[in-house]
C-alpha atoms as a PDB file:
ATOM      1  CA  PHE A   1     114.537  94.698 123.163  1.00  0.00           C
ATOM      2  CA  THR A   2     110.763  94.674 122.838  1.00  0.00           C
ATOM      3  CA  ILE A   3     108.222  96.946 124.520  1.00  0.00           C
ATOM      4  CA  PRO A   4     104.639  95.587 124.405  1.00  0.00           C
ATOM      5  CA  ALA A   5     101.531  97.744 124.737  1.00  0.00           C
ATOM      6  CA  SER A   6      99.994  98.474 128.100  1.00  0.00           C
ATOM      7  CA  SER A   7      98.775 102.048 127.490  1.00  0.00           C
ATOM      8  CA  GLY A   8      99.367 105.054 125.257  1.00  0.00           C
ATOM      9  CA  GLY A   9     102.525 107.170 125.323  1.00  0.00           C
ATOM     10  CA  ILE A  10     105.204 104.564 124.635  1.00  0.00           C
ATOM     11  CA  GLY A  11     108.814 105.048 123.521  1.00  0.00           C
ATOM     12  CA  ALA A  12     112.035 103.067 123.818  1.00  0.00           C
ATOM     13  CA  LEU A  13     113.631 105.866 125.867  1.00  0.00           C
ATOM     14  CA  VAL A  14     110.687 107.712 127.382  1.00  0.00           C
ATOM     15  CA  GLY A  15     106.907 107.667 127.214  1.00  0.00           C
ATOM     16  CA  VAL A  16     106.465 111.441 127.548  1.00  0.00           C
ATOM     17  CA  ASN A  17     109.425 113.794 127.106  1.00  0.00           C
ATOM     18  CA  ARG A  18     109.233 117.193 128.812  1.00  0.00           C
ATOM     19  CA  GLY A  19     112.989 117.810 128.911  1.00  0.00           C
ATOM     20  CA  ASP A  20     115.989 117.722 126.583  1.00  0.00           C
ATOM     21  CA  ILE A  21     117.236 114.648 124.714  1.00  0.00           C
ATOM     22  CA  ASP A  22     120.549 114.794 122.847  1.00  0.00           C
ATOM     23  CA  ASP A  23     122.675 112.148 121.108  1.00  0.00           C
ATOM     24  CA  VAL A  24     120.476 109.162 121.933  1.00  0.00           C
ATOM     25  CA  HIS A  25     120.168 106.264 119.467  1.00  0.00           C
ATOM     26  CA  VAL A  26     117.660 103.391 119.588  1.00  0.00           C
ATOM     27  CA  ILE A  27     118.703 100.173 117.795  1.00  0.00           C
ATOM     28  CA  ASN A  28     117.465  96.573 117.552  1.00  0.00           C
ATOM     29  CA  SER A  29     114.130  97.401 119.153  1.00  0.00           C
ATOM     30  CA  THR A  30     110.465  96.664 118.591  1.00  0.00           C
ATOM     31  CA  ILE A  31     107.802  98.995 119.955  1.00  0.00           C
ATOM     32  CA  ASN A  32     104.379  97.353 119.815  1.00  0.00           C
ATOM     33  CA  GLY A  33     101.768  99.911 120.748  1.00  0.00           C
ATOM     34  CA  GLY A  34      98.741  97.781 119.907  1.00  0.00           C
ATOM     35  CA  SER A  35      95.777 100.084 119.310  1.00  0.00           C
ATOM     36  CA  TYR A  36      97.089 102.831 121.591  1.00  0.00           C
ATOM     37  CA  GLN A  37      98.166 106.314 120.478  1.00  0.00           C
ATOM     38  CA  ASN A  38     101.347 108.389 120.901  1.00  0.00           C
ATOM     39  CA  ILE A  39     103.782 105.602 120.048  1.00  0.00           C
ATOM     40  CA  GLY A  40     107.365 106.390 118.977  1.00  0.00           C
ATOM     41  CA  GLY A  41     110.710 104.693 118.489  1.00  0.00           C
ATOM     42  CA  LEU A  42     112.392 107.116 120.911  1.00  0.00           C
ATOM     43  CA  ALA A  43     109.537 108.947 122.645  1.00  0.00           C
ATOM     44  CA  GLY A  44     105.779 108.538 122.624  1.00  0.00           C
ATOM     45  CA  HIS A  45     105.019 112.238 123.112  1.00  0.00           C
ATOM     46  CA  SER A  46     107.449 115.161 123.198  1.00  0.00           C
ATOM     47  CA  TYR A  47     105.958 118.286 124.775  1.00  0.00           C
ATOM     48  CA  ASN A  48     107.599 121.669 125.413  1.00  0.00           C
ATOM     49  CA  ALA A  49     110.980 119.957 125.007  1.00  0.00           C
ATOM     50  CA  THR A  50     113.859 119.360 122.587  1.00  0.00           C
ATOM     51  CA  ILE A  51     115.218 116.316 120.787  1.00  0.00           C
ATOM     52  CA  SER A  52     118.495 116.713 118.887  1.00  0.00           C
ATOM     53  CA  ASN A  53     121.171 114.585 117.204  1.00  0.00           C
ATOM     54  CA  SER A  54     119.208 111.417 117.891  1.00  0.00           C
ATOM     55  CA  SER A  55     117.902 108.442 115.908  1.00  0.00           C
ATOM     56  CA  SER A  56     115.845 105.266 115.927  1.00  0.00           C
ATOM     57  CA  SER A  57     115.997 102.127 113.818  1.00  0.00           C
ATOM     58  CA  ALA A  58     113.142 100.500 115.724  1.00  0.00           C
ATOM     59  CA  THR A  59     110.167  98.705 114.235  1.00  0.00           C
ATOM     60  CA  VAL A  60     107.213 100.711 115.560  1.00  0.00           C
ATOM     61  CA  SER A  61     103.491  99.911 115.467  1.00  0.00           C
ATOM     62  CA  GLY A  62     100.423 101.369 117.143  1.00  0.00           C
ATOM     63  CA  GLY A  63      97.048 103.026 116.670  1.00  0.00           C
ATOM     64  CA  ASN A  64      97.065 106.797 116.041  1.00  0.00           C
ATOM     65  CA  GLN A  65      99.979 109.263 116.210  1.00  0.00           C
ATOM     66  CA  VAL A  66     102.712 106.737 115.507  1.00  0.00           C
ATOM     67  CA  GLY A  67     106.230 107.756 114.425  1.00  0.00           C
ATOM     68  CA  GLY A  68     109.611 106.163 113.862  1.00  0.00           C
ATOM     69  CA  LEU A  69     111.179 108.633 116.315  1.00  0.00           C
ATOM     70  CA  VAL A  70     108.273 110.411 118.061  1.00  0.00           C
ATOM     71  CA  GLY A  71     104.561 109.647 118.066  1.00  0.00           C
ATOM     72  CA  SER A  72     103.302 113.175 118.771  1.00  0.00           C
ATOM     73  CA  ASN A  73     105.608 116.219 118.645  1.00  0.00           C
ATOM     74  CA  ASP A  74     104.620 119.461 120.397  1.00  0.00           C
ATOM     75  CA  ALA A  75     108.253 120.455 120.770  1.00  0.00           C
ATOM     76  CA  THR A  76     111.471 121.052 118.789  1.00  0.00           C
ATOM     77  CA  SER A  77     113.348 118.281 116.995  1.00  0.00           C
ATOM     78  CA  THR A  78     116.598 118.876 115.086  1.00  0.00           C
ATOM     79  CA  ASN A  79     119.321 116.860 113.335  1.00  0.00           C
ATOM     80  CA  SER A  80     117.586 113.520 113.917  1.00  0.00           C
ATOM     81  CA  TYR A  81     116.573 110.556 111.774  1.00  0.00           C
ATOM     82  CA  SER A  82     114.730 107.250 111.659  1.00  0.00           C
ATOM     83  CA  THR A  83     115.041 104.010 109.722  1.00  0.00           C
ATOM     84  CA  GLY A  84     113.191 100.717 110.062  1.00  0.00           C
ATOM     85  CA  ALA A  85     109.428 100.334 109.632  1.00  0.00           C
ATOM     86  CA  VAL A  86     106.399 102.179 111.012  1.00  0.00           C
ATOM     87  CA  SER A  87     102.752 101.095 110.951  1.00  0.00           C
ATOM     88  CA  GLY A  88      99.538 102.356 112.492  1.00  0.00           C
ATOM     89  CA  VAL A  89      96.042 103.646 111.737  1.00  0.00           C
ATOM     90  CA  PHE A  90      95.824 107.464 111.546  1.00  0.00           C
ATOM     91  CA  GLU A  91      98.581 110.097 111.637  1.00  0.00           C
ATOM     92  CA  VAL A  92     101.490 107.778 111.002  1.00  0.00           C
ATOM     93  CA  GLY A  93     104.900 109.032 109.828  1.00  0.00           C
ATOM     94  CA  GLY A  94     108.413 107.776 109.232  1.00  0.00           C
ATOM     95  CA  LEU A  95     109.851 110.234 111.772  1.00  0.00           C
ATOM     96  CA  VAL A  96     106.807 111.754 113.530  1.00  0.00           C
ATOM     97  CA  GLY A  97     103.126 110.820 113.545  1.00  0.00           C
ATOM     98  CA  LEU A  98     101.612 114.228 114.379  1.00  0.00           C
ATOM     99  CA  SER A  99     103.602 117.460 114.687  1.00  0.00           C
ATOM    100  CA  THR A 100     102.419 120.843 115.937  1.00  0.00           C
ATOM    101  CA  GLY A 101     105.991 121.766 116.865  1.00  0.00           C
ATOM    102  CA  THR A 102     109.197 122.504 114.947  1.00  0.00           C
ATOM    103  CA  ILE A 103     111.337 119.989 113.038  1.00  0.00           C
ATOM    104  CA  ASN A 104     114.598 120.944 111.309  1.00  0.00           C
ATOM    105  CA  ASN A 105     117.388 119.154 109.432  1.00  0.00           C
ATOM    106  CA  SER A 106     115.966 115.666 109.896  1.00  0.00           C
ATOM    107  CA  SER A 107     115.191 112.617 107.769  1.00  0.00           C
ATOM    108  CA  SER A 108     113.518 109.234 107.544  1.00  0.00           C
ATOM    109  CA  SER A 109     114.138 106.178 105.385  1.00  0.00           C
ATOM    110  CA  ALA A 110     111.467 104.118 107.162  1.00  0.00           C
ATOM    111  CA  THR A 111     108.731 102.339 105.243  1.00  0.00           C
ATOM    112  CA  VAL A 112     105.321 103.543 106.423  1.00  0.00           C
ATOM    113  CA  ILE A 113     101.969 101.743 106.332  1.00  0.00           C
ATOM    114  CA  GLY A 114      98.633 102.913 107.718  1.00  0.00           C
ATOM    115  CA  SER A 115      95.085 103.964 106.980  1.00  0.00           C
ATOM    116  CA  GLY A 116      94.808 107.767 106.696  1.00  0.00           C
ATOM    117  CA  PHE A 117      97.058 110.803 107.218  1.00  0.00           C
ATOM    118  CA  ILE A 118     100.143 108.769 106.347  1.00  0.00           C
ATOM    119  CA  GLY A 119     103.511 110.302 105.369  1.00  0.00           C
ATOM    120  CA  GLY A 120     107.045 109.138 104.703  1.00  0.00           C
ATOM    121  CA  PHE A 121     108.336 111.795 107.107  1.00  0.00           C
ATOM    122  CA  VAL A 122     105.302 112.995 109.083  1.00  0.00           C
ATOM    123  CA  GLY A 123     101.675 111.924 109.146  1.00  0.00           C
ATOM    124  CA  SER A 124     100.228 115.390 109.844  1.00  0.00           C
ATOM    125  CA  VAL A 125     101.645 118.889 110.341  1.00  0.00           C
ATOM    126  CA  ASN A 126      98.986 120.991 112.088  1.00  0.00           C
ATOM    127  CA  ASP A 127      98.402 124.194 114.054  1.00  0.00           C
ATOM    128  CA  TYR A 128     101.383 126.293 112.905  1.00  0.00           C
ATOM    129  CA  GLY A 129     103.775 123.348 113.116  1.00  0.00           C
ATOM    130  CA  SER A 130     106.769 123.653 110.774  1.00  0.00           C
ATOM    131  CA  VAL A 131     109.276 121.397 109.020  1.00  0.00           C
ATOM    132  CA  THR A 132     112.433 122.721 107.327  1.00  0.00           C
ATOM    133  CA  ASN A 133     115.402 121.177 105.470  1.00  0.00           C
ATOM    134  CA  SER A 134     114.237 117.588 105.853  1.00  0.00           C
ATOM    135  CA  TYR A 135     113.629 114.556 103.634  1.00  0.00           C
ATOM    136  CA  ALA A 136     112.049 111.115 103.373  1.00  0.00           C
ATOM    137  CA  THR A 137     113.130 108.202 101.178  1.00  0.00           C
ATOM    138  CA  GLY A 138     110.887 105.339 102.335  1.00  0.00           C
ATOM    139  CA  ASN A 139     107.876 103.941 100.489  1.00  0.00           C
ATOM    140  CA  VAL A 140     104.434 104.872 101.825  1.00  0.00           C
ATOM    141  CA  SER A 141     101.162 102.951 101.682  1.00  0.00           C
ATOM    142  CA  GLY A 142      97.796 104.154 102.990  1.00  0.00           C
ATOM    143  CA  ARG A 143      94.456 102.402 102.760  1.00  0.00           C
ATOM    144  CA  ARG A 144      92.332 105.561 102.906  1.00  0.00           C
ATOM    145  CA  ASP A 145      92.927 109.282 102.359  1.00  0.00           C
ATOM    146  CA  SER A 146      95.649 111.913 102.835  1.00  0.00           C
ATOM    147  CA  VAL A 147      98.731 109.914 101.915  1.00  0.00           C
ATOM    148  CA  GLY A 148     102.007 111.562 100.877  1.00  0.00           C
ATOM    149  CA  GLY A 149     105.633 110.717 100.272  1.00  0.00           C
ATOM    150  CA  PHE A 150     106.660 113.355 102.812  1.00  0.00           C
ATOM    151  CA  ALA A 151     103.468 114.365 104.668  1.00  0.00           C
ATOM    152  CA  GLY A 152      99.985 112.919 104.670  1.00  0.00           C
ATOM    153  CA  SER A 153      98.415 116.254 105.554  1.00  0.00           C
ATOM    154  CA  VAL A 154      99.588 119.827 106.137  1.00  0.00           C
ATOM    155  CA  LYS A 155      96.824 122.072 107.440  1.00  0.00           C
ATOM    156  CA  ASP A 156      95.763 124.802 109.879  1.00  0.00           C
ATOM    157  CA  SER A 157      98.677 127.101 108.957  1.00  0.00           C
ATOM    158  CA  GLY A 158     101.292 124.344 109.147  1.00  0.00           C
ATOM    159  CA  SER A 159     104.303 124.669 106.841  1.00  0.00           C
ATOM    160  CA  VAL A 160     106.980 122.612 105.084  1.00  0.00           C
ATOM    161  CA  THR A 161     110.009 124.294 103.497  1.00  0.00           C
ATOM    162  CA  ALA A 162     113.106 123.122 101.603  1.00  0.00           C
ATOM    163  CA  SER A 163     112.301 119.425 101.868  1.00  0.00           C
ATOM    164  CA  TYR A 164     111.907 116.428  99.545  1.00  0.00           C
ATOM    165  CA  ALA A 165     110.555 112.883  99.195  1.00  0.00           C
ATOM    166  CA  THR A 166     111.777 110.084  96.907  1.00  0.00           C
ATOM    167  CA  GLY A 167     109.693 107.066  97.978  1.00  0.00           C
ATOM    168  CA  ASP A 168     106.802 105.499  96.068  1.00  0.00           C
ATOM    169  CA  VAL A 169     103.328 106.334  97.358  1.00  0.00           C
ATOM    170  CA  SER A 170     100.029 104.455  97.169  1.00  0.00           C
ATOM    171  CA  GLY A 171      96.663 105.299  98.692  1.00  0.00           C
ATOM    172  CA  ASN A 172      92.976 105.814  97.966  1.00  0.00           C
ATOM    173  CA  ASP A 173      91.968 109.524  97.993  1.00  0.00           C
ATOM    174  CA  TYR A 174      94.125 112.669  98.318  1.00  0.00           C
ATOM    175  CA  VAL A 175      97.376 110.966  97.375  1.00  0.00           C
ATOM    176  CA  GLY A 176     100.512 112.948  96.488  1.00  0.00           C
ATOM    177  CA  GLY A 177     104.177 112.323  95.871  1.00  0.00           C
ATOM    178  CA  PHE A 178     105.009 114.951  98.499  1.00  0.00           C
ATOM    179  CA  VAL A 179     101.819 115.804 100.428  1.00  0.00           C
ATOM    180  CA  GLY A 180      98.413 114.161 100.238  1.00  0.00           C
ATOM    181  CA  ASN A 181      96.269 117.067 101.452  1.00  0.00           C
ATOM    182  CA  ASN A 182      97.477 120.692 101.741  1.00  0.00           C
ATOM    183  CA  SER A 183      94.738 122.925 103.128  1.00  0.00           C
ATOM    184  CA  TYR A 184      93.426 125.561 105.542  1.00  0.00           C
ATOM    185  CA  GLY A 185      96.260 128.046 105.318  1.00  0.00           C
ATOM    186  CA  ALA A 186      99.057 125.501 104.978  1.00  0.00           C
ATOM    187  CA  ILE A 187     102.188 126.485 103.058  1.00  0.00           C
ATOM    188  CA  VAL A 188     104.583 124.163 101.219  1.00  0.00           C
ATOM    189  CA  SER A 189     107.553 125.811  99.512  1.00  0.00           C
ATOM    190  CA  THR A 190     110.858 124.991  97.810  1.00  0.00           C
ATOM    191  CA  SER A 191     110.223 121.255  97.944  1.00  0.00           C
ATOM    192  CA  TYR A 192     110.024 118.320  95.531  1.00  0.00           C
ATOM    193  CA  ALA A 193     109.014 114.685  95.069  1.00  0.00           C
ATOM    194  CA  THR A 194     110.315 112.031  92.669  1.00  0.00           C
ATOM    195  CA  GLY A 195     108.534 108.779  93.593  1.00  0.00           C
ATOM    196  CA  ASP A 196     105.805 106.932  91.706  1.00  0.00           C
ATOM    197  CA  VAL A 197     102.272 107.745  92.883  1.00  0.00           C
ATOM    198  CA  SER A 198      99.095 105.650  92.619  1.00  0.00           C
ATOM    199  CA  GLY A 199      95.587 106.017  93.994  1.00  0.00           C
ATOM    200  CA  ASN A 200      91.877 106.103  93.253  1.00  0.00           C
ATOM    201  CA  ARG A 201      90.773 109.778  93.319  1.00  0.00           C
ATOM    202  CA  TRP A 202      92.526 113.134  93.679  1.00  0.00           C
ATOM    203  CA  VAL A 203      96.004 111.879  92.930  1.00  0.00           C
ATOM    204  CA  GLY A 204      98.973 114.115  92.020  1.00  0.00           C
ATOM    205  CA  GLY A 205     102.696 113.854  91.456  1.00  0.00           C
ATOM    206  CA  PHE A 206     103.259 116.478  94.162  1.00  0.00           C
ATOM    207  CA  THR A 207      99.922 116.843  95.981  1.00  0.00           C
ATOM    208  CA  GLY A 208      96.556 115.162  95.787  1.00  0.00           C
ATOM    209  CA  ASN A 209      94.548 118.134  97.078  1.00  0.00           C
ATOM    210  CA  ASN A 210      95.423 121.803  97.508  1.00  0.00           C
ATOM    211  CA  ALA A 211      92.388 123.692  98.817  1.00  0.00           C
ATOM    212  CA  ASN A 212      90.946 126.092 101.385  1.00  0.00           C
ATOM    213  CA  SER A 213      93.767 128.650 101.143  1.00  0.00           C
ATOM    214  CA  GLY A 214      96.521 126.047 100.894  1.00  0.00           C
ATOM    215  CA  THR A 215      99.619 127.437  99.145  1.00  0.00           C
ATOM    216  CA  ILE A 216     102.372 125.679  97.186  1.00  0.00           C
ATOM    217  CA  THR A 217     105.318 127.673  95.812  1.00  0.00           C
ATOM    218  CA  THR A 218     108.588 126.884  94.018  1.00  0.00           C
ATOM    219  CA  SER A 219     108.010 123.147  94.187  1.00  0.00           C
ATOM    220  CA  TYR A 220     107.765 120.211  91.792  1.00  0.00           C
END
């Protein structure tokens, strides 16, 4: 089925999730969010909630905070995955567009296209958000800055641990095989990237920019 845009907060199952979702799978769907934000294959926004053992193969498009499973995650997501294709403007990710919550044991094989803060798994991990034991295999293309095979940006004490990315990555500035921009107290550890990386300035096989007390350990 197809869900066209009428406002922000759009998902195939729920616009805004404030409860528990378990073992739900979205297939053969198109979510067209237009220029609106908080657009996801399963949920537009997940807040103070849980999503577990769920997936989406939807084609998802929107403005900002666009994800293959969840547009904006302020909750806990575990054992979930996305496939298909995701496109948007800022904070666009294969699984989640923007995460300030917790994500564990999850993956994405979605192709991701956007402007800035674009990641194969998550567009941005901010404000003490964390990702553990997860991976992304889709190719990533961003027209501007902060583009990564796994995360476009990790900042403000966000963290990524024991994760990897294998997709090819292209962007303009701050382009990395794993994370485009790692900064402001962010920590990335025990992770790796294997995809080809191309860009204009500040381009790295693992990260394009590591600054302002960003930390990377035991990674390659």
